[in-house]
Amino acid sequence: MSEPLEFAVTLYPEPLLRRTAEEVTTFDDDLGETVEAMYQLMFESQGVGLAAPQVSLGRRILVMNAEGDREKPELNLTLINPRIVERTGDKMLMEEGCLSFPGIFAEIARSEDCVVEAVDVEGQPLRLELTGFASRVLQHEYDHLEGVLLVDRMSPADRLRNKTALGEMIEDYKERQAQV
């Protein structure tokens, strides 16, 4: 029996976070183990969503549970190769955080509703209409698959408010790279 997968959250400004994730083409036990490890990390990190680039995997995988509650697995949503095909409703402003930007928050405008097409871990097609907070979580995680980050969606005021923390993250990254 192989060791269970363990991931750590990839932090800004790691370049992998900026790359567009690649399609998943193999639907096997490894994919299932990857998804399980992503849920594990998401719940441990008290998140409501996690995209594969956030664990240094450049693949189009996202997991979410809009309540962030591991005791409600019926709310778990795994999307492989998702594509948002429609965004509707009003643009709603709401504070968002991101596991790749610990302690940093910003007011982000997102469509209230969206429609996503994807496949599940077995490769079976899905088409879902999400609304409210679940729609927001999906759009946030989908951004990660496209190489779009929280800092890219920040207003100039939020960018200024978070300038010091963002600068510290960049300096920490440079220090980690210098040790490699």
C-alpha atoms as a PDB file:
ATOM      1  CA  MET A   1       0.000   0.000   0.000  1.00  0.00           C
ATOM      2  CA  SER A   2       1.429   3.360  -0.969  1.00  0.00           C
ATOM      3  CA  GLU A   3       1.703   6.306   1.393  1.00  0.00           C
ATOM      4  CA  PRO A   4      -1.254   8.709   1.263  1.00  0.00           C
ATOM      5  CA  LEU A   5      -0.621  11.918  -0.652  1.00  0.00           C
ATOM      6  CA  GLU A   6       0.076  15.017   1.375  1.00  0.00           C
ATOM      7  CA  PHE A   7       0.065  18.504  -0.031  1.00  0.00           C
ATOM      8  CA  ALA A   8       0.950  21.939   1.259  1.00  0.00           C
ATOM      9  CA  VAL A   9      -0.636  25.173   0.074  1.00  0.00           C
ATOM     10  CA  THR A  10       1.432  26.948  -2.580  1.00  0.00           C
ATOM     11  CA  LEU A  11       1.879  30.591  -1.608  1.00  0.00           C
ATOM     12  CA  TYR A  12       1.980  33.759  -3.687  1.00  0.00           C
ATOM     13  CA  PRO A  13       4.076  34.702  -5.677  1.00  0.00           C
ATOM     14  CA  GLU A  14       5.053  31.153  -6.744  1.00  0.00           C
ATOM     15  CA  PRO A  15       5.123  31.305 -10.587  1.00  0.00           C
ATOM     16  CA  LEU A  16       3.078  28.094 -10.989  1.00  0.00           C
ATOM     17  CA  LEU A  17       0.079  30.013  -9.630  1.00  0.00           C
ATOM     18  CA  ARG A  18       0.224  32.218 -12.751  1.00  0.00           C
ATOM     19  CA  ARG A  19       0.104  29.387 -15.292  1.00  0.00           C
ATOM     20  CA  THR A  20      -3.042  28.170 -16.991  1.00  0.00           C
ATOM     21  CA  ALA A  21      -3.667  24.640 -15.713  1.00  0.00           C
ATOM     22  CA  GLU A  22      -3.635  21.717 -18.154  1.00  0.00           C
ATOM     23  CA  GLU A  23      -6.559  19.422 -18.911  1.00  0.00           C
ATOM     24  CA  VAL A  24      -6.775  16.140 -17.012  1.00  0.00           C
ATOM     25  CA  THR A  25      -6.735  13.228 -19.458  1.00  0.00           C
ATOM     26  CA  THR A  26      -6.282  10.223 -17.162  1.00  0.00           C
ATOM     27  CA  PHE A  27      -9.068   9.193 -14.807  1.00  0.00           C
ATOM     28  CA  ASP A  28      -7.558   6.622 -12.467  1.00  0.00           C
ATOM     29  CA  ASP A  29      -6.869   5.870  -8.803  1.00  0.00           C
ATOM     30  CA  ASP A  30      -4.116   8.513  -8.742  1.00  0.00           C
ATOM     31  CA  LEU A  31      -6.669  11.186  -9.655  1.00  0.00           C
ATOM     32  CA  GLY A  32      -8.969   9.986  -6.865  1.00  0.00           C
ATOM     33  CA  GLU A  33      -6.094  10.076  -4.365  1.00  0.00           C
ATOM     34  CA  THR A  34      -5.156  13.583  -5.509  1.00  0.00           C
ATOM     35  CA  VAL A  35      -8.726  14.775  -4.999  1.00  0.00           C
ATOM     36  CA  GLU A  36      -8.914  13.192  -1.531  1.00  0.00           C
ATOM     37  CA  ALA A  37      -5.623  14.807  -0.494  1.00  0.00           C
ATOM     38  CA  MET A  38      -6.876  18.166  -1.774  1.00  0.00           C
ATOM     39  CA  TYR A  39     -10.059  17.875   0.338  1.00  0.00           C
ATOM     40  CA  GLN A  40      -7.944  16.918   3.344  1.00  0.00           C
ATOM     41  CA  LEU A  41      -5.761  20.016   2.971  1.00  0.00           C
ATOM     42  CA  MET A  42      -8.732  22.282   2.230  1.00  0.00           C
ATOM     43  CA  PHE A  43     -10.508  21.240   5.429  1.00  0.00           C
ATOM     44  CA  GLU A  44      -7.311  21.341   7.529  1.00  0.00           C
ATOM     45  CA  SER A  45      -6.670  24.865   6.230  1.00  0.00           C
ATOM     46  CA  GLN A  46     -10.265  25.902   7.010  1.00  0.00           C
ATOM     47  CA  GLY A  47     -10.924  26.694   3.367  1.00  0.00           C
ATOM     48  CA  VAL A  48     -14.069  26.315   1.285  1.00  0.00           C
ATOM     49  CA  GLY A  49     -12.305  25.587  -2.004  1.00  0.00           C
ATOM     50  CA  LEU A  50      -8.944  24.545  -3.411  1.00  0.00           C
ATOM     51  CA  ALA A  51      -7.600  24.354  -6.955  1.00  0.00           C
ATOM     52  CA  ALA A  52      -4.761  22.059  -8.046  1.00  0.00           C
ATOM     53  CA  PRO A  53      -2.339  24.929  -8.818  1.00  0.00           C
ATOM     54  CA  GLN A  54      -2.596  25.829  -5.120  1.00  0.00           C
ATOM     55  CA  VAL A  55      -0.902  22.511  -4.318  1.00  0.00           C
ATOM     56  CA  SER A  56       1.697  22.915  -7.083  1.00  0.00           C
ATOM     57  CA  LEU A  57      -0.182  20.742  -9.575  1.00  0.00           C
ATOM     58  CA  GLY A  58      -0.740  22.420 -12.917  1.00  0.00           C
ATOM     59  CA  ARG A  59      -3.910  20.430 -13.631  1.00  0.00           C
ATOM     60  CA  ARG A  60      -7.549  21.487 -14.061  1.00  0.00           C
ATOM     61  CA  ILE A  61      -8.899  20.085 -10.778  1.00  0.00           C
ATOM     62  CA  LEU A  62     -10.874  21.929  -8.144  1.00  0.00           C
ATOM     63  CA  VAL A  63     -12.618  20.842  -4.983  1.00  0.00           C
ATOM     64  CA  MET A  64     -15.035  22.830  -2.882  1.00  0.00           C
ATOM     65  CA  ASN A  65     -17.450  22.640   0.010  1.00  0.00           C
ATOM     66  CA  ALA A  66     -19.191  26.009   0.316  1.00  0.00           C
ATOM     67  CA  GLU A  67     -19.666  25.529   4.077  1.00  0.00           C
ATOM     68  CA  GLY A  68     -16.116  24.296   4.651  1.00  0.00           C
ATOM     69  CA  ASP A  69     -17.616  21.482   6.712  1.00  0.00           C
ATOM     70  CA  ARG A  70     -15.985  18.057   6.494  1.00  0.00           C
ATOM     71  CA  GLU A  71     -18.996  16.671   8.388  1.00  0.00           C
ATOM     72  CA  LYS A  72     -21.163  17.506   5.346  1.00  0.00           C
ATOM     73  CA  PRO A  73     -19.559  15.494   2.534  1.00  0.00           C
ATOM     74  CA  GLU A  74     -22.775  15.848   0.538  1.00  0.00           C
ATOM     75  CA  LEU A  75     -21.680  19.459  -0.065  1.00  0.00           C
ATOM     76  CA  ASN A  76     -18.324  18.367  -1.535  1.00  0.00           C
ATOM     77  CA  LEU A  77     -18.065  19.246  -5.201  1.00  0.00           C
ATOM     78  CA  THR A  78     -15.214  17.915  -7.324  1.00  0.00           C
ATOM     79  CA  LEU A  79     -14.816  19.382 -10.794  1.00  0.00           C
ATOM     80  CA  ILE A  80     -12.313  18.110 -13.320  1.00  0.00           C
ATOM     81  CA  ASN A  81     -11.639  20.227 -16.428  1.00  0.00           C
ATOM     82  CA  PRO A  82     -14.323  22.765 -15.466  1.00  0.00           C
ATOM     83  CA  ARG A  83     -15.425  25.486 -17.833  1.00  0.00           C
ATOM     84  CA  ILE A  84     -17.692  28.336 -16.770  1.00  0.00           C
ATOM     85  CA  VAL A  85     -20.124  28.665 -19.662  1.00  0.00           C
ATOM     86  CA  GLU A  86     -22.356  31.380 -18.256  1.00  0.00           C
ATOM     87  CA  ARG A  87     -22.236  34.092 -15.594  1.00  0.00           C
ATOM     88  CA  THR A  88     -25.521  35.801 -14.766  1.00  0.00           C
ATOM     89  CA  GLY A  89     -27.187  37.877 -12.104  1.00  0.00           C
ATOM     90  CA  ASP A  90     -25.901  41.009 -10.501  1.00  0.00           C
ATOM     91  CA  LYS A  91     -22.235  41.514  -9.709  1.00  0.00           C
ATOM     92  CA  MET A  92     -22.026  41.110  -5.964  1.00  0.00           C
ATOM     93  CA  LEU A  93     -19.233  42.607  -3.868  1.00  0.00           C
ATOM     94  CA  MET A  94     -18.003  40.425  -1.008  1.00  0.00           C
ATOM     95  CA  GLU A  95     -14.825  40.046   1.006  1.00  0.00           C
ATOM     96  CA  GLU A  96     -12.721  37.099  -0.125  1.00  0.00           C
ATOM     97  CA  GLY A  97      -9.637  35.463   1.232  1.00  0.00           C
ATOM     98  CA  CYS A  98      -7.412  32.839  -0.362  1.00  0.00           C
ATOM     99  CA  LEU A  99      -5.347  30.010   1.086  1.00  0.00           C
ATOM    100  CA  SER A 100      -2.449  31.116  -1.159  1.00  0.00           C
ATOM    101  CA  PHE A 101      -2.647  34.598   0.444  1.00  0.00           C
ATOM    102  CA  PRO A 102      -2.962  33.862   4.190  1.00  0.00           C
ATOM    103  CA  GLY A 103      -4.328  36.763   6.201  1.00  0.00           C
ATOM    104  CA  ILE A 104      -5.068  38.881   3.123  1.00  0.00           C
ATOM    105  CA  PHE A 105      -8.633  39.869   2.242  1.00  0.00           C
ATOM    106  CA  ALA A 106     -10.215  42.004  -0.456  1.00  0.00           C
ATOM    107  CA  GLU A 107     -13.658  43.044  -1.665  1.00  0.00           C
ATOM    108  CA  ILE A 108     -14.186  41.192  -4.961  1.00  0.00           C
ATOM    109  CA  ALA A 109     -17.076  41.630  -7.418  1.00  0.00           C
ATOM    110  CA  ARG A 110     -18.388  38.374  -8.893  1.00  0.00           C
ATOM    111  CA  SER A 111     -21.526  37.317 -10.729  1.00  0.00           C
ATOM    112  CA  GLU A 112     -24.225  36.037  -8.414  1.00  0.00           C
ATOM    113  CA  ASP A 113     -24.882  32.957 -10.575  1.00  0.00           C
ATOM    114  CA  CYS A 114     -22.876  30.782 -12.929  1.00  0.00           C
ATOM    115  CA  VAL A 115     -23.183  27.637 -14.989  1.00  0.00           C
ATOM    116  CA  VAL A 116     -20.233  25.262 -15.125  1.00  0.00           C
ATOM    117  CA  GLU A 117     -19.583  22.229 -17.283  1.00  0.00           C
ATOM    118  CA  ALA A 118     -17.003  19.698 -16.117  1.00  0.00           C
ATOM    119  CA  VAL A 119     -16.478  16.002 -15.507  1.00  0.00           C
ATOM    120  CA  ASP A 120     -16.299  14.118 -12.231  1.00  0.00           C
ATOM    121  CA  VAL A 121     -13.396  11.901 -11.083  1.00  0.00           C
ATOM    122  CA  GLU A 122     -14.699   9.050 -13.241  1.00  0.00           C
ATOM    123  CA  GLY A 123     -14.856  11.298 -16.309  1.00  0.00           C
ATOM    124  CA  GLN A 124     -18.666  11.546 -16.311  1.00  0.00           C
ATOM    125  CA  PRO A 125     -20.009  14.874 -17.609  1.00  0.00           C
ATOM    126  CA  LEU A 126     -21.591  17.389 -15.234  1.00  0.00           C
ATOM    127  CA  ARG A 127     -23.461  20.619 -15.833  1.00  0.00           C
ATOM    128  CA  LEU A 128     -24.281  22.616 -12.724  1.00  0.00           C
ATOM    129  CA  GLU A 129     -25.996  25.911 -12.015  1.00  0.00           C
ATOM    130  CA  LEU A 130     -24.569  27.530  -8.903  1.00  0.00           C
ATOM    131  CA  THR A 131     -25.863  30.573  -7.077  1.00  0.00           C
ATOM    132  CA  GLY A 132     -24.805  32.802  -4.208  1.00  0.00           C
ATOM    133  CA  PHE A 133     -21.765  31.827  -2.172  1.00  0.00           C
ATOM    134  CA  ALA A 134     -21.246  28.493  -3.990  1.00  0.00           C
ATOM    135  CA  SER A 135     -21.082  30.420  -7.282  1.00  0.00           C
ATOM    136  CA  ARG A 136     -18.507  32.780  -5.762  1.00  0.00           C
ATOM    137  CA  VAL A 137     -16.349  29.905  -4.489  1.00  0.00           C
ATOM    138  CA  LEU A 138     -16.446  28.227  -7.887  1.00  0.00           C
ATOM    139  CA  GLN A 139     -15.482  31.444  -9.702  1.00  0.00           C
ATOM    140  CA  HIS A 140     -12.601  32.042  -7.266  1.00  0.00           C
ATOM    141  CA  GLU A 141     -11.212  28.515  -7.708  1.00  0.00           C
ATOM    142  CA  TYR A 142     -11.767  28.659 -11.467  1.00  0.00           C
ATOM    143  CA  ASP A 143      -9.619  31.798 -11.532  1.00  0.00           C
ATOM    144  CA  HIS A 144      -6.756  29.691 -10.124  1.00  0.00           C
ATOM    145  CA  LEU A 145      -7.058  27.295 -13.056  1.00  0.00           C
ATOM    146  CA  GLU A 146      -6.715  30.269 -15.395  1.00  0.00           C
ATOM    147  CA  GLY A 147      -3.694  31.738 -13.564  1.00  0.00           C
ATOM    148  CA  VAL A 148      -5.728  34.637 -12.146  1.00  0.00           C
ATOM    149  CA  LEU A 149      -5.059  35.466  -8.497  1.00  0.00           C
ATOM    150  CA  LEU A 150      -6.761  37.370  -5.693  1.00  0.00           C
ATOM    151  CA  VAL A 151      -4.282  40.225  -6.114  1.00  0.00           C
ATOM    152  CA  ASP A 152      -5.377  40.571  -9.775  1.00  0.00           C
ATOM    153  CA  ARG A 153      -9.000  41.131  -8.732  1.00  0.00           C
ATOM    154  CA  MET A 154      -8.216  43.639  -5.960  1.00  0.00           C
ATOM    155  CA  SER A 155      -9.323  47.235  -6.235  1.00  0.00           C
ATOM    156  CA  PRO A 156      -6.540  49.828  -6.059  1.00  0.00           C
ATOM    157  CA  ALA A 157      -7.675  50.587  -2.490  1.00  0.00           C
ATOM    158  CA  ASP A 158      -7.427  46.918  -1.435  1.00  0.00           C
ATOM    159  CA  ARG A 159      -4.056  46.592  -3.162  1.00  0.00           C
ATOM    160  CA  LEU A 160      -2.821  49.606  -1.202  1.00  0.00           C
ATOM    161  CA  ARG A 161      -4.308  48.309   2.060  1.00  0.00           C
ATOM    162  CA  ASN A 162      -2.558  44.939   1.534  1.00  0.00           C
ATOM    163  CA  LYS A 163       0.683  46.378   0.120  1.00  0.00           C
ATOM    164  CA  THR A 164       2.816  45.562   3.160  1.00  0.00           C
ATOM    165  CA  ALA A 165       1.521  41.988   3.521  1.00  0.00           C
ATOM    166  CA  LEU A 166       1.930  41.322  -0.219  1.00  0.00           C
ATOM    167  CA  GLY A 167       5.461  42.734  -0.087  1.00  0.00           C
ATOM    168  CA  GLU A 168       6.286  40.442   2.839  1.00  0.00           C
ATOM    169  CA  MET A 169       5.026  37.435   0.889  1.00  0.00           C
ATOM    170  CA  ILE A 170       7.296  38.360  -2.032  1.00  0.00           C
ATOM    171  CA  GLU A 171      10.292  38.767   0.294  1.00  0.00           C
ATOM    172  CA  ASP A 172       9.553  35.428   2.013  1.00  0.00           C
ATOM    173  CA  TYR A 173       9.382  33.755  -1.407  1.00  0.00           C
ATOM    174  CA  LYS A 174      12.743  35.267  -2.423  1.00  0.00           C
ATOM    175  CA  GLU A 175      14.301  34.028   0.832  1.00  0.00           C
ATOM    176  CA  ARG A 176      12.938  30.495   0.277  1.00  0.00           C
ATOM    177  CA  GLN A 177      14.307  30.517  -3.278  1.00  0.00           C
ATOM    178  CA  ALA A 178      17.717  31.679  -2.091  1.00  0.00           C
ATOM    179  CA  GLN A 179      17.875  28.643   0.251  1.00  0.00           C
ATOM    180  CA  VAL A 180      17.182  26.159  -2.538  1.00  0.00           C
END
